[in-house]
Structure formats: C-alpha cells, structure tokens
C-alpha cells in the first residue's frame, strides 16, 4: 500500500467512522484507490465490497455503515478506470476495459495487500459488474471467501433487443475496425443528467439525489458510457459464468438478489447461475430497478435480510463473554451445601426425638410379638425403631445416663413389678432367654404382665399416636423399663429376688 488517498464527503453522505483510504499499485502499476473501515470492538469478520461500473467508494457509504453496524470490517475499492482509480484512456468519461484478467489481477492484489487487516471469515459482496467479477474470481479458484451475496450481478448483458449472437458479431466487427476504444453509443450522455422520473436505476428519489450531489461535489468521480472493448469484456466474462462447470466447484453459499424490473442486466442468467451453484440461492425483489442497494427501504431490505441470513450462517456474532456471577448467588449455594451436611449430621438428633417412640417399640418388643400394631406402622415405628436399633450404641450411651435415674425410681417401679417378683425364677429365665432365645422372651412377657403392665404396654403401643403427651411422661420409665427388661434383670433381679418375702403382702392386696 502507498500513500493515503482522499474520500469525498457531503452532508447527505458522511464518511463512516473508522475510515482509512489508501492508494495501491494494481496490475501493470496502475494506481488504484481502496478504503478500509473498521468497527469498534471485536469484528465478526470482513466484507469485501465491490461496486458496479461507473460507481465510486463514496456511493456506498450508507451500505458500509450498515455493515459496520453489524460488526464487520469493510474493504471497498474503485475498479480500474473509474472512481479515483487511474483512468485507462485520455477521455476520463469513457468506461473502458481490456479484459477480465486485468480486473481479477487487481482484485487479488487488493485482497492480498489488506489480508492481514481483514479478520476471517470473509464475505464477498458485489453489485452489477462487481458481482460478475467477484463470482468470476471465485470460479477461477479464489477460495478465501466463506460466502457471497450479489446484488443484480451482471451475469448476462441486456443487448437492447438484439440477440446475443448479433451483439457478439457487432463487437468483433467494431474491434476489427479499430473502434474498440470508442463509445458503443454515439451519445454517451452525462452521468445522472436525466430527471429522476425517467431513470432506470432506483425508485428512491432521496438516494438518487445523493448520487447526483456526490458527482457535483467531485466531478472526478463521474464516468460515462462503455466502449466497445468494455462490452467485449462483459460478453466474454458472462459467457464463462454461463458454463455450469465453471460454477459447480464453488461450494460456499452464494445468494443472488435480482431486481425484477432490471433494464440493464439479464435476470434469466442470474437464475441459471443460482441453479448451477451447489449452494446457490435466487431472491427476486418485486418491482425493483437495477440498483437494489440504492432502492427504497422496502426493496433494499430484501437484500439486507438476505445478507443477515448469510452472515448469520457463515460469520455468526461472537459469543458474549460470560458475565461474572455476582457475589450473592454463590452464598446461597454455599449455605445450601453447608446445610446439607448439617441436616445429615442432625439426623441422629431426630433419632433422640423418636427415642420415646423407639423406646415404646423397645418396651413393646415384649408385647410386639402379639400386637401387630408395631407392624402396622412400619413407616413410623420401623423408621424410628430400626434406626434406633441400628444406632444401638447411641441408645446404650443414653441408657447408662438414664440408668442412674431409674436406680432411684426402681423401688417405685419395683412395687409395680413386685406382684410378679414372686415368680423370680421365671423372671430370671425371662431375663436369660432374651439373650439366647428371643422367642421365649416374647412368650415370657405374656406371662409376666397380666395386670400391671398390660395397660402400661398396651396404651403406649395402641395410643401412641393419640396420646403423645402421655407417651412423653413415661418416656423415662419406658426408657428405664426396657433397660430393666434387657439388662437390669440380669444384674438387679437377683437383688429383687432377695426381698420377695417382704413384698408378697402387697401382692395379696
């Protein structure tokens, strides 16, 4: 790249932000103008924008801004012989060309020079002649683009009612006569000198007036009609793109947006090209004139929606960086995480609450064999009793503490148990049998507690749910009785056996 180049600005067409125009040397050393536009922040990718014949960079400022708003870097340029690029003939208004190769060589030099500043993926956008040359570059092996969208591409030339064969014959004859650098029409006319009402480019008066104002502000941007040599280039380039084998190997998506009322190019050639492209798509804009990107908003939006669809597929928006979580959300997570172990650690504590219920089944272990009440409540009794039984060490750790209190209370309890202490030997056997034969222990309670312990054993078992308060009061005794039933008889009933004679009188009562 060489020195910086100027950009023309008018109130209707301000220069988009992030613009940088430069001169570059094209094929054969000709000076070409290019402009790079960079969006703020991280770019999604790059757009290589190529205008049509007669068009300059400044005409596309609005389109450039649309692409910048979507997060793309935009590279656009003036083709050789137009805009501010070097003109090819002494008459600067003549739209001249020698061959497609010159244009394609310039295009490669341009993209190679800017490649380090064009983030991938690349998307090619071309209008009219620019669309033809873009597709031709891809057909000849330029595979750097992830996709392409073309506005009314020049894939077939409108020959003014003449057949294509007749037009080709006229071109060959004109070049044979040395008229290749002459205008095709005797009156080339002046660019944008016709009234808006009779123009065949756009239905949008504001955009048409803007294009005229640009040429008035800088006449150097103007270009007149084509020469016979330019027409020769156009016919040959479109003939190459009409061959299916030239398009079959372009595997990236290509969208062709066609203007329904186009008077300058052949829409049927666009439809054929879309069919030959492996991922080709044809979109018709109803009622549109040739310059779709300069049309009314309603018509123009056909192109922009297609552009958004394509770029959403091949150059999606970069994912937003994950937002840092505020400090508050982790705290509830930590509280929940800490609460879970606390709940697990507290689960033995609830086992202390069920100990009355567990003690009742423990007291009911003697009558439990006869009463299915304990079996009827597996959800409550088994859940409370079996864990308590499973955690017998915790219960045993509690029983020695309660065993001290029952030591004082057992004389009172002994009175209740005294009537059956006369059967000290069966009691001793009942105390010995639970350790060896649980079945015998189950039968012993039936003989041991005919009068005094039937109410004590039946009420907690049958009315444990009905009288929780009553179940809590005898909790200590109930806890003591199982202790007396399980272990105390083994040690203490011999002491009770020493005093059966003194307590036989209360038994008679």
Protein backbone atom coordinates (compact mmCIF):
# COMPACT_ATOMS: atom_id res chain seq x y z
CA UNK A 1 0.00 0.00 0.00
CA UNK A 2 1.14 3.52 -0.82
CA UNK A 3 0.10 6.91 0.49
CA UNK A 4 -3.25 7.87 1.94
CA UNK A 5 -6.00 8.72 -0.52
CA UNK A 6 -8.84 11.21 -0.11
CA UNK A 7 -12.52 10.47 0.49
CA UNK A 8 -15.24 12.87 -0.65
CA UNK A 9 -17.85 13.82 1.93
CA UNK A 10 -21.12 15.68 1.57
CA UNK A 11 -23.91 16.29 4.11
CA UNK A 12 -26.05 13.57 2.55
CA UNK A 13 -23.14 11.12 2.54
CA UNK A 14 -20.86 11.50 5.57
CA UNK A 15 -17.74 9.36 5.78
CA UNK A 16 -18.38 6.41 8.13
CA UNK A 17 -16.20 6.28 11.25
CA UNK A 18 -13.03 4.22 11.24
CA UNK A 19 -12.24 5.06 7.59
CA UNK A 20 -8.80 4.83 6.07
CA UNK A 21 -8.34 5.34 2.31
CA UNK A 22 -5.10 4.43 0.53
CA UNK A 23 -3.52 4.16 -2.89
CA UNK A 24 -2.30 0.76 -4.02
CA UNK A 25 -0.50 -0.39 -7.14
CA UNK A 26 -2.58 -2.66 -9.32
CA UNK A 27 -1.64 -4.93 -12.19
CA UNK A 28 0.72 -3.15 -14.57
CA UNK A 29 1.47 -0.47 -11.96
CA UNK A 30 -1.80 1.42 -12.28
CA UNK A 31 -2.83 3.40 -9.20
CA UNK A 32 -5.99 2.19 -7.52
CA UNK A 33 -7.94 3.63 -4.59
CA UNK A 34 -9.18 1.49 -1.71
CA UNK A 35 -10.74 2.23 1.67
CA UNK A 36 -10.85 0.19 4.86
CA UNK A 37 -13.50 0.74 7.55
CA UNK A 38 -13.10 -0.79 10.99
CA UNK A 39 -15.94 -1.16 13.51
CA UNK A 40 -15.45 -0.61 17.23
CA UNK A 41 -14.84 -3.69 19.33
CA UNK A 42 -14.31 -7.21 18.15
CA UNK A 43 -15.18 -7.80 14.47
CA UNK A 44 -17.33 -10.72 13.29
CA UNK A 45 -15.42 -10.95 10.05
CA UNK A 46 -14.75 -8.91 6.91
CA UNK A 47 -16.76 -7.74 3.92
CA UNK A 48 -15.06 -7.16 0.56
CA UNK A 49 -17.42 -4.78 -1.23
CA UNK A 50 -17.12 -4.28 -4.99
CA UNK A 51 -19.32 -1.75 -6.76
CA UNK A 52 -20.59 -1.76 -10.31
CA UNK A 53 -19.49 0.04 -13.43
CA UNK A 54 -19.35 3.86 -13.02
CA UNK A 55 -19.56 3.60 -9.22
CA UNK A 56 -17.13 5.04 -6.65
CA UNK A 57 -16.45 4.27 -2.99
CA UNK A 58 -18.44 7.28 -1.78
CA UNK A 59 -21.69 5.99 -3.28
CA UNK A 60 -21.62 3.08 -0.81
CA UNK A 61 -21.09 4.98 2.44
CA UNK A 62 -24.61 4.07 3.60
CA UNK A 63 -24.05 0.40 2.80
CA UNK A 64 -20.67 0.47 4.53
CA UNK A 65 -22.32 1.90 7.63
CA UNK A 66 -24.89 -0.91 7.58
CA UNK A 67 -22.09 -3.48 7.57
CA UNK A 68 -20.17 -1.66 10.30
CA UNK A 69 -23.28 -1.63 12.48
CA UNK A 70 -23.36 -5.40 12.13
CA UNK A 71 -19.79 -5.71 13.38
CA UNK A 72 -17.85 -6.24 10.14
CA UNK A 73 -14.63 -4.77 8.83
CA UNK A 74 -15.34 -3.43 5.33
CA UNK A 75 -12.89 -3.18 2.44
CA UNK A 76 -14.14 -1.39 -0.67
CA UNK A 77 -12.40 -0.02 -3.75
CA UNK A 78 -12.62 1.72 -7.11
CA UNK A 79 -12.16 -0.58 -10.08
CA UNK A 80 -9.54 0.48 -12.57
CA UNK A 81 -10.81 3.14 -14.99
CA UNK A 82 -13.44 4.63 -12.61
CA UNK A 83 -13.84 6.48 -9.33
CA UNK A 84 -10.49 7.93 -8.31
CA UNK A 85 -8.53 4.98 -9.66
CA UNK A 86 -6.34 5.56 -12.68
CA UNK A 87 -8.34 6.07 -15.88
CA UNK A 88 -7.37 3.98 -18.87
CA UNK A 89 -7.99 6.42 -21.72
CA UNK A 90 -7.39 10.09 -22.41
CA UNK A 91 -11.10 10.74 -22.09
CA UNK A 92 -11.79 10.06 -18.39
CA UNK A 93 -15.52 9.63 -19.01
CA UNK A 94 -15.07 6.57 -21.19
CA UNK A 95 -15.84 3.34 -19.39
CA UNK A 96 -13.12 1.20 -20.82
CA UNK A 97 -11.70 -2.28 -20.18
CA UNK A 98 -9.26 -4.54 -21.99
CA UNK A 99 -10.00 -7.91 -20.38
CA UNK A 100 -11.37 -9.59 -17.28
CA UNK A 101 -7.86 -10.68 -16.35
CA UNK A 102 -6.80 -7.09 -15.56
CA UNK A 103 -9.70 -6.68 -13.16
CA UNK A 104 -9.08 -10.04 -11.49
CA UNK A 105 -5.36 -9.33 -11.07
CA UNK A 106 -6.22 -6.01 -9.41
CA UNK A 107 -8.70 -7.77 -7.13
CA UNK A 108 -6.11 -10.31 -5.97
CA UNK A 109 -3.51 -7.60 -5.36
CA UNK A 110 -6.06 -5.64 -3.34
CA UNK A 111 -7.17 -8.52 -1.14
CA UNK A 112 -3.61 -9.78 -0.65
CA UNK A 113 -2.46 -6.33 0.45
CA UNK A 114 -5.25 -5.97 3.03
CA UNK A 115 -5.44 -9.60 4.11
CA UNK A 116 -3.53 -9.08 7.40
CA UNK A 117 -6.12 -6.48 8.40
CA UNK A 118 -9.18 -8.47 7.36
CA UNK A 119 -10.30 -10.84 10.12
CA UNK A 120 -11.83 -14.08 8.94
CA UNK A 121 -14.33 -15.15 7.79
CA UNK A 122 -14.54 -13.15 4.58
CA UNK A 123 -17.82 -12.46 2.80
CA UNK A 124 -17.83 -11.09 -0.76
CA UNK A 125 -20.46 -8.51 -1.71
CA UNK A 126 -20.71 -7.27 -5.29
CA UNK A 127 -23.12 -5.22 -7.37
CA UNK A 128 -23.61 -5.47 -11.14
CA UNK A 129 -20.13 -5.60 -12.73
CA UNK A 130 -18.63 -6.04 -9.27
CA UNK A 131 -20.87 -9.07 -8.74
CA UNK A 132 -19.74 -10.55 -12.05
CA UNK A 133 -16.04 -10.11 -11.25
CA UNK A 134 -16.46 -11.42 -7.69
CA UNK A 135 -18.13 -14.61 -8.90
CA UNK A 136 -15.56 -14.95 -11.68
CA UNK A 137 -12.71 -14.72 -9.16
CA UNK A 138 -14.33 -17.48 -7.09
CA UNK A 139 -14.89 -19.57 -10.23
CA UNK A 140 -11.19 -19.26 -11.04
CA UNK A 141 -10.11 -20.60 -7.67
CA UNK A 142 -10.28 -17.81 -5.07
CA UNK A 143 -11.46 -19.86 -2.10
CA UNK A 144 -10.81 -17.34 0.67
CA UNK A 145 -14.47 -16.37 0.98
CA UNK A 146 -16.87 -18.16 3.31
CA UNK A 147 -19.83 -16.94 1.27
CA UNK A 148 -21.02 -14.30 -1.16
CA UNK A 149 -24.10 -12.19 -1.81
CA UNK A 150 -24.52 -10.42 -5.14
CA UNK A 151 -26.82 -7.52 -5.98
CA UNK A 152 -28.20 -7.64 -9.54
CA UNK A 153 -24.94 -9.20 -10.79
CA UNK A 154 -24.00 -8.74 -14.41
CA UNK A 155 -24.22 -12.42 -15.41
CA UNK A 156 -25.90 -11.60 -18.70
CA UNK A 157 -25.93 -8.28 -20.59
CA UNK A 158 -29.08 -6.59 -21.80
CA UNK A 159 -28.36 -6.18 -25.53
CA UNK A 160 -31.22 -3.81 -26.25
CA UNK A 161 -33.44 -6.23 -28.10
CA UNK A 162 -30.68 -7.72 -30.20
CA UNK A 163 -29.78 -11.36 -29.91
CA UNK A 164 -26.67 -12.34 -28.03
CA UNK A 165 -25.15 -13.70 -31.21
CA UNK A 166 -25.79 -10.42 -33.04
CA UNK A 167 -24.24 -8.43 -30.20
CA UNK A 168 -21.11 -10.55 -30.28
CA UNK A 169 -20.81 -10.11 -34.03
CA UNK A 170 -21.09 -6.33 -33.71
CA UNK A 171 -18.37 -6.27 -31.03
CA UNK A 172 -15.97 -8.33 -33.13
CA UNK A 173 -16.58 -6.08 -36.12
CA UNK A 174 -16.05 -2.89 -34.11
CA UNK A 175 -12.73 -4.15 -32.74
CA UNK A 176 -11.61 -5.29 -36.19
CA UNK A 177 -12.27 -1.76 -37.42
CA UNK A 178 -10.23 -0.29 -34.60
CA UNK A 179 -13.19 1.13 -32.76
CA UNK A 180 -12.62 -0.73 -29.51
CA UNK A 181 -11.99 2.49 -27.56
CA UNK A 182 -14.99 4.28 -28.93
CA UNK A 183 -18.33 4.59 -27.20
CA UNK A 184 -20.85 1.91 -28.01
CA UNK A 185 -23.45 4.64 -28.36
CA UNK A 186 -22.75 7.79 -30.31
CA UNK A 187 -24.21 9.89 -27.50
CA UNK A 188 -22.77 8.58 -24.23
CA UNK A 189 -24.64 11.17 -22.22
CA UNK A 190 -23.63 12.67 -18.90
CA UNK A 191 -23.83 10.71 -15.68
CA UNK A 192 -27.00 11.40 -13.69
CA UNK A 193 -28.09 14.19 -16.00
CA UNK A 194 -31.56 12.76 -16.57
CA UNK A 195 -34.55 13.51 -14.45
CA UNK A 196 -35.32 11.19 -11.58
CA UNK A 197 -38.72 10.34 -13.08
CA UNK A 198 -37.11 8.75 -16.16
CA UNK A 199 -34.16 6.99 -14.52
CA UNK A 200 -33.92 3.17 -14.58
CA UNK A 201 -31.68 2.77 -11.50
CA UNK A 202 -33.84 3.38 -8.42
CA UNK A 203 -37.29 4.35 -7.18
CA UNK A 204 -35.82 6.25 -4.24
CA UNK A 205 -35.61 10.00 -5.00
CA UNK A 206 -33.50 10.81 -1.95
CA UNK A 207 -30.80 8.28 -2.78
CA UNK A 208 -30.82 9.27 -6.44
CA UNK A 209 -30.32 12.92 -5.48
CA UNK A 210 -27.49 11.94 -3.15
CA UNK A 211 -25.62 10.21 -6.00
CA UNK A 212 -26.04 13.30 -8.19
CA UNK A 213 -24.79 15.54 -5.37
CA UNK A 214 -21.63 13.45 -5.00
CA UNK A 215 -20.76 13.92 -8.67
CA UNK A 216 -21.37 17.62 -8.44
CA UNK A 217 -19.15 17.86 -5.37
CA UNK A 218 -16.36 15.89 -7.10
CA UNK A 219 -16.72 15.58 -10.91
CA UNK A 220 -13.63 13.35 -10.94
CA UNK A 221 -15.89 10.53 -9.72
CA UNK A 222 -18.09 10.66 -12.83
CA UNK A 223 -17.98 8.09 -15.63
CA UNK A 224 -19.82 7.97 -18.93
CA UNK A 225 -20.91 5.16 -21.24
CA UNK A 226 -18.93 2.00 -22.12
CA UNK A 227 -16.64 1.43 -25.02
CA UNK A 228 -16.82 -1.45 -27.48
CA UNK A 229 -13.85 -3.02 -25.74
CA UNK A 230 -15.65 -2.87 -22.41
CA UNK A 231 -18.67 -4.58 -23.99
CA UNK A 232 -16.37 -7.25 -25.38
CA UNK A 233 -15.03 -7.91 -21.85
CA UNK A 234 -18.57 -8.09 -20.45
CA UNK A 235 -19.80 -10.59 -23.04
CA UNK A 236 -16.80 -12.88 -22.55
CA UNK A 237 -16.97 -12.78 -18.75
CA UNK A 238 -20.68 -13.57 -18.67
CA UNK A 239 -20.21 -16.35 -21.23
CA UNK A 240 -17.68 -18.02 -18.93
CA UNK A 241 -20.05 -17.82 -15.97
CA UNK A 242 -22.84 -19.31 -18.08
CA UNK A 243 -20.93 -22.60 -18.22
CA UNK A 244 -22.15 -24.87 -15.41
CA UNK A 245 -18.75 -26.49 -14.93
CA UNK A 246 -17.28 -23.10 -14.01
CA UNK A 247 -19.68 -22.78 -11.07
CA UNK A 248 -20.04 -26.37 -9.89
CA UNK A 249 -16.91 -26.30 -7.74
CA UNK A 250 -17.92 -23.15 -5.79
CA UNK A 251 -19.09 -24.93 -2.67
CA UNK A 252 -19.69 -21.93 -0.40
CA UNK A 253 -23.18 -20.37 -0.21
CA UNK A 254 -23.86 -17.73 -2.87
CA UNK A 255 -27.03 -15.63 -2.81
CA UNK A 256 -28.12 -13.78 -5.96
CA UNK A 257 -30.54 -10.93 -5.30
CA UNK A 258 -32.28 -9.98 -8.52
CA UNK A 259 -34.16 -6.77 -9.43
CA UNK A 260 -37.45 -7.72 -11.02
CA UNK A 261 -37.63 -4.64 -13.30
CA UNK A 262 -33.95 -4.52 -14.21
CA UNK A 263 -33.29 -2.84 -17.58
CA UNK A 264 -29.52 -3.32 -17.68
CA UNK A 265 -28.73 -6.99 -16.98
CA UNK A 266 -30.32 -10.34 -17.81
CA UNK A 267 -32.24 -11.85 -14.89
CA UNK A 268 -32.60 -15.24 -16.56
CA UNK A 269 -28.81 -15.61 -16.50
CA UNK A 270 -28.91 -14.96 -12.74
CA UNK A 271 -31.49 -17.70 -12.24
CA UNK A 272 -29.40 -20.13 -14.26
CA UNK A 273 -26.27 -19.36 -12.25
CA UNK A 274 -28.14 -19.92 -8.98
CA UNK A 275 -29.16 -23.37 -10.24
CA UNK A 276 -25.60 -24.28 -11.20
CA UNK A 277 -24.08 -23.21 -7.88
CA UNK A 278 -24.07 -26.08 -5.32
CA UNK A 279 -25.29 -23.71 -2.62
CA UNK A 280 -26.80 -21.07 -4.84
CA UNK A 281 -29.97 -19.18 -3.92
CA UNK A 282 -32.00 -16.79 -6.05
CA UNK A 283 -34.07 -14.00 -4.48
CA UNK A 284 -36.28 -11.73 -6.56
CA UNK A 285 -37.07 -8.20 -5.37
CA UNK A 286 -40.52 -7.31 -6.75
CA UNK A 287 -40.64 -4.06 -8.73
CA UNK A 288 -37.01 -3.14 -8.08
CA UNK A 289 -34.77 -1.35 -10.54
CA UNK A 290 -31.13 -2.26 -11.12
CA UNK A 291 -29.52 -0.61 -8.07
CA UNK A 292 -31.11 -2.64 -5.28
CA UNK A 293 -28.82 -1.20 -2.60
CA UNK A 294 -29.91 2.32 -3.62
CA UNK A 295 -33.58 1.43 -3.82
CA UNK A 296 -36.38 2.29 -1.41
CA UNK A 297 -36.07 0.89 2.09
CA UNK A 298 -38.73 -1.73 1.45
CA UNK A 299 -36.90 -3.09 -1.61
CA UNK A 300 -33.46 -2.60 -0.14
CA UNK A 301 -34.43 -4.62 2.92
CA UNK A 302 -34.76 -7.73 0.72
CA UNK A 303 -31.01 -7.59 0.27
CA UNK A 304 -30.20 -6.74 3.88
CA UNK A 305 -32.33 -9.61 5.20
CA UNK A 306 -30.60 -12.00 2.83
CA UNK A 307 -27.26 -10.59 3.97
CA UNK A 308 -28.16 -11.16 7.62
CA UNK A 309 -29.21 -14.71 6.85
CA UNK A 310 -25.95 -15.47 5.07
CA UNK A 311 -23.67 -13.86 7.63
CA UNK A 312 -25.61 -15.44 10.48
CA UNK A 313 -24.66 -18.75 8.95
CA UNK A 314 -21.04 -18.20 7.87
CA UNK A 315 -19.99 -15.40 10.26
CA UNK A 316 -22.14 -15.60 13.37
CA UNK A 317 -21.85 -12.99 16.05
CA UNK A 318 -19.10 -13.77 18.53
CA UNK A 319 -20.37 -15.23 21.75
CA UNK A 320 -20.60 -12.74 24.55
CA UNK A 321 -18.09 -13.30 27.32
CA UNK A 322 -19.69 -14.99 30.29
CA UNK A 323 -20.88 -12.47 32.82
CA UNK A 324 -19.19 -12.67 36.19
CA UNK A 325 -21.63 -14.02 38.71
CA UNK A 326 -22.45 -11.56 41.48
CA UNK A 327 -21.13 -12.47 44.91
CA UNK A 328 -24.61 -13.11 46.26
CA UNK A 329 -25.52 -16.20 44.24
CA UNK A 330 -22.58 -18.27 45.48
CA UNK A 331 -23.57 -17.58 49.10
CA UNK A 332 -26.93 -19.33 48.92
CA UNK A 333 -25.18 -22.18 47.16
CA UNK A 334 -22.66 -22.40 49.98
CA UNK A 335 -25.39 -22.17 52.60
CA UNK A 336 -27.29 -24.98 50.94
CA UNK A 337 -24.13 -27.00 50.63
CA UNK A 338 -23.37 -26.45 54.32
CA UNK A 339 -26.96 -27.06 55.31
CA UNK A 340 -26.99 -30.48 53.69
CA UNK A 341 -24.24 -31.91 55.89
CA UNK A 342 -25.86 -30.19 58.86
CA UNK A 343 -29.07 -31.97 58.07
CA UNK A 344 -27.22 -35.23 57.75
CA UNK A 345 -25.33 -34.59 60.93
CA UNK A 346 -28.58 -33.69 62.66
CA UNK A 347 -30.29 -36.86 61.58
CA UNK A 348 -29.00 -38.70 64.64
CA UNK A 349 -30.52 -35.87 66.76
CA UNK A 350 -34.02 -36.55 65.46
CA UNK A 351 -33.29 -40.15 66.45
CA UNK A 352 -33.22 -38.82 70.01
CA UNK A 353 -36.73 -37.45 69.50
CA UNK A 354 -38.02 -40.76 68.28
CA UNK A 355 -36.33 -42.48 71.23
CA UNK A 356 -39.61 -42.27 73.14
CA UNK A 357 -41.23 -43.84 70.14
CA UNK A 358 -38.26 -46.09 69.80
CA UNK A 359 -38.43 -46.92 73.47
CA UNK A 360 -42.04 -47.77 73.08
CA UNK A 361 -41.27 -50.28 70.46
CA UNK A 362 -38.43 -51.31 72.72
CA UNK A 363 -40.95 -51.70 75.54
CA UNK A 364 -43.23 -53.19 73.01
CA UNK A 365 -40.61 -55.64 71.95
CA UNK A 366 -42.07 -57.84 74.60
CA UNK A 367 -45.70 -57.48 73.51
CA UNK A 368 -44.77 -56.62 69.93
CA UNK A 369 -44.86 -60.29 69.01
CA UNK A 370 -48.54 -60.43 69.82
CA UNK A 371 -49.58 -56.99 68.68
CA UNK A 372 -49.35 -56.16 65.00
CA UNK A 373 -49.67 -52.51 65.91
CA UNK A 374 -45.93 -52.20 65.70
CA UNK A 375 -46.05 -53.96 62.35
CA UNK A 376 -48.86 -51.72 61.15
CA UNK A 377 -46.63 -48.67 61.46
CA UNK A 378 -43.52 -49.58 59.57
CA UNK A 379 -43.22 -46.05 58.21
CA UNK A 380 -43.10 -44.50 61.64
CA UNK A 381 -42.19 -47.30 64.01
CA UNK A 382 -39.66 -49.07 61.84
CA UNK A 383 -38.20 -45.80 60.64
CA UNK A 384 -37.83 -44.72 64.22
CA UNK A 385 -37.22 -48.04 65.92
CA UNK A 386 -34.91 -49.70 63.42
CA UNK A 387 -32.58 -46.71 63.10
CA UNK A 388 -32.62 -46.54 66.84
CA UNK A 389 -31.85 -50.23 66.92
CA UNK A 390 -29.24 -49.76 64.27
CA UNK A 391 -27.71 -46.99 66.27
CA UNK A 392 -27.93 -49.00 69.47
CA UNK A 393 -24.63 -47.56 70.67
CA UNK A 394 -26.26 -44.15 70.81
CA UNK A 395 -29.16 -45.63 72.72
CA UNK A 396 -26.85 -47.53 75.00
CA UNK A 397 -24.91 -44.39 75.58
CA UNK A 398 -28.14 -42.74 76.67
CA UNK A 399 -29.29 -45.68 78.78
CA UNK A 400 -26.42 -45.60 81.24
CA UNK A 401 -27.34 -41.95 81.80
CA UNK A 402 -30.96 -42.90 82.39
CA UNK A 403 -29.93 -45.98 84.28
CA UNK A 404 -28.76 -43.71 87.09
CA UNK A 405 -32.20 -42.13 87.41
CA UNK A 406 -34.06 -45.43 87.28
CA UNK A 407 -31.76 -46.60 90.04
CA UNK A 408 -33.72 -44.31 92.34
CA UNK A 409 -37.01 -44.97 90.66
CA UNK A 410 -36.81 -48.72 90.51
CA UNK A 411 -38.06 -49.13 94.06
CA UNK A 412 -41.25 -47.42 92.87
CA UNK A 413 -41.15 -49.43 89.73
CA UNK A 414 -40.42 -52.49 91.73
CA UNK A 415 -43.69 -52.04 93.53
CA UNK A 416 -45.48 -52.27 90.28
CA UNK A 417 -43.34 -55.17 89.30
CA UNK A 418 -43.44 -56.73 92.77
CA UNK A 419 -46.62 -58.70 92.26
CA UNK A 420 -44.78 -60.79 89.74
CA UNK A 421 -41.49 -60.96 91.51
CA UNK A 422 -42.93 -63.99 93.24
CA UNK A 423 -42.11 -65.67 90.00
CA UNK A 424 -38.45 -64.76 90.37
CA UNK A 425 -37.26 -67.87 88.67
CA UNK A 426 -39.39 -67.30 85.59
CA UNK A 427 -38.21 -63.72 85.60
CA UNK A 428 -34.65 -64.88 85.73
CA UNK A 429 -35.33 -67.26 82.93
CA UNK A 430 -37.08 -64.49 81.01
CA UNK A 431 -34.03 -62.36 81.53
CA UNK A 432 -31.76 -65.11 80.35
CA UNK A 433 -33.84 -66.23 77.45
CA UNK A 434 -33.96 -62.89 75.58
CA UNK A 435 -30.24 -63.14 75.12
CA UNK A 436 -30.43 -66.70 73.83
CA UNK A 437 -33.96 -67.33 72.60
CA UNK A 438 -35.95 -64.28 71.57
CA UNK A 439 -39.00 -66.45 71.04
CA UNK A 440 -39.01 -67.40 74.70
CA UNK A 441 -38.64 -63.75 75.62
CA UNK A 442 -41.71 -62.98 73.62
CA UNK A 443 -43.71 -65.61 75.48
CA UNK A 444 -42.44 -64.50 78.89
CA UNK A 445 -43.96 -61.00 78.75
CA UNK A 446 -47.33 -62.59 78.19
CA UNK A 447 -47.00 -64.44 81.49
CA UNK A 448 -45.15 -61.69 83.36
CA UNK A 449 -47.51 -58.77 82.95
CA UNK A 450 -51.09 -59.88 83.38
CA UNK A 451 -52.39 -56.90 85.32
CA UNK A 452 -49.92 -54.12 85.86
CA UNK A 453 -48.06 -53.95 82.58
CA UNK A 454 -50.85 -54.71 80.18
CA UNK A 455 -52.19 -51.17 80.49
CA UNK A 456 -48.64 -49.82 80.53
CA UNK A 457 -47.65 -51.78 77.44
CA UNK A 458 -50.92 -51.54 75.53
CA UNK A 459 -51.55 -47.86 75.95
CA UNK A 460 -48.24 -46.68 74.56
CA UNK A 461 -48.49 -49.23 71.71
CA UNK A 462 -52.11 -48.65 70.73
CA UNK A 463 -52.46 -44.98 71.73
CA UNK A 464 -49.01 -43.73 70.95
CA UNK A 465 -50.41 -41.50 68.21
CA UNK A 466 -53.45 -40.46 70.24
CA UNK A 467 -51.64 -39.51 73.45
CA UNK A 468 -48.25 -38.13 72.65
CA UNK A 469 -48.16 -36.25 75.90
CA UNK A 470 -48.82 -39.39 77.86
CA UNK A 471 -46.18 -41.12 75.88
CA UNK A 472 -43.65 -38.45 76.75
CA UNK A 473 -44.21 -38.69 80.50
CA UNK A 474 -43.49 -42.37 80.79
CA UNK A 475 -40.63 -41.85 78.42
CA UNK A 476 -38.16 -42.02 81.25
CA UNK A 477 -39.87 -45.01 82.75
CA UNK A 478 -40.34 -46.52 79.35
CA UNK A 479 -36.69 -45.96 78.73
CA UNK A 480 -35.97 -47.37 82.11
CA UNK A 481 -38.17 -50.40 81.76
CA UNK A 482 -36.52 -51.58 78.60
CA UNK A 483 -33.26 -51.13 80.37
CA UNK A 484 -34.68 -53.05 83.26
CA UNK A 485 -36.08 -55.58 80.87
CA UNK A 486 -32.95 -56.03 78.83
CA UNK A 487 -30.01 -55.66 81.14
CA UNK A 488 -31.22 -54.82 84.65
CA UNK A 489 -32.93 -58.16 85.21
CA UNK A 490 -29.65 -59.85 84.54
CA UNK A 491 -27.93 -57.96 87.35
CA UNK A 492 -30.52 -56.45 89.61
CA UNK A 493 -33.26 -59.07 89.81
CA UNK A 494 -31.16 -61.26 91.99
CA UNK A 495 -31.36 -58.31 94.40
CA UNK A 496 -35.10 -58.25 93.88
CA UNK A 497 -35.07 -61.97 94.49
CA UNK A 498 -33.62 -61.37 97.97
CA UNK A 499 -36.68 -59.44 99.05
CA UNK A 500 -39.62 -61.35 97.64
CA UNK A 501 -40.85 -62.32 101.08
CA UNK A 502 -41.22 -58.70 102.21
CA UNK A 503 -43.18 -57.78 99.16
CA UNK A 504 -45.55 -60.69 98.98
CA UNK A 505 -48.03 -58.88 101.24
CA UNK A 506 -48.52 -56.07 98.71
CA UNK A 507 -49.10 -58.80 96.15
CA UNK A 508 -52.06 -60.03 98.20
CA UNK A 509 -53.51 -56.56 98.22
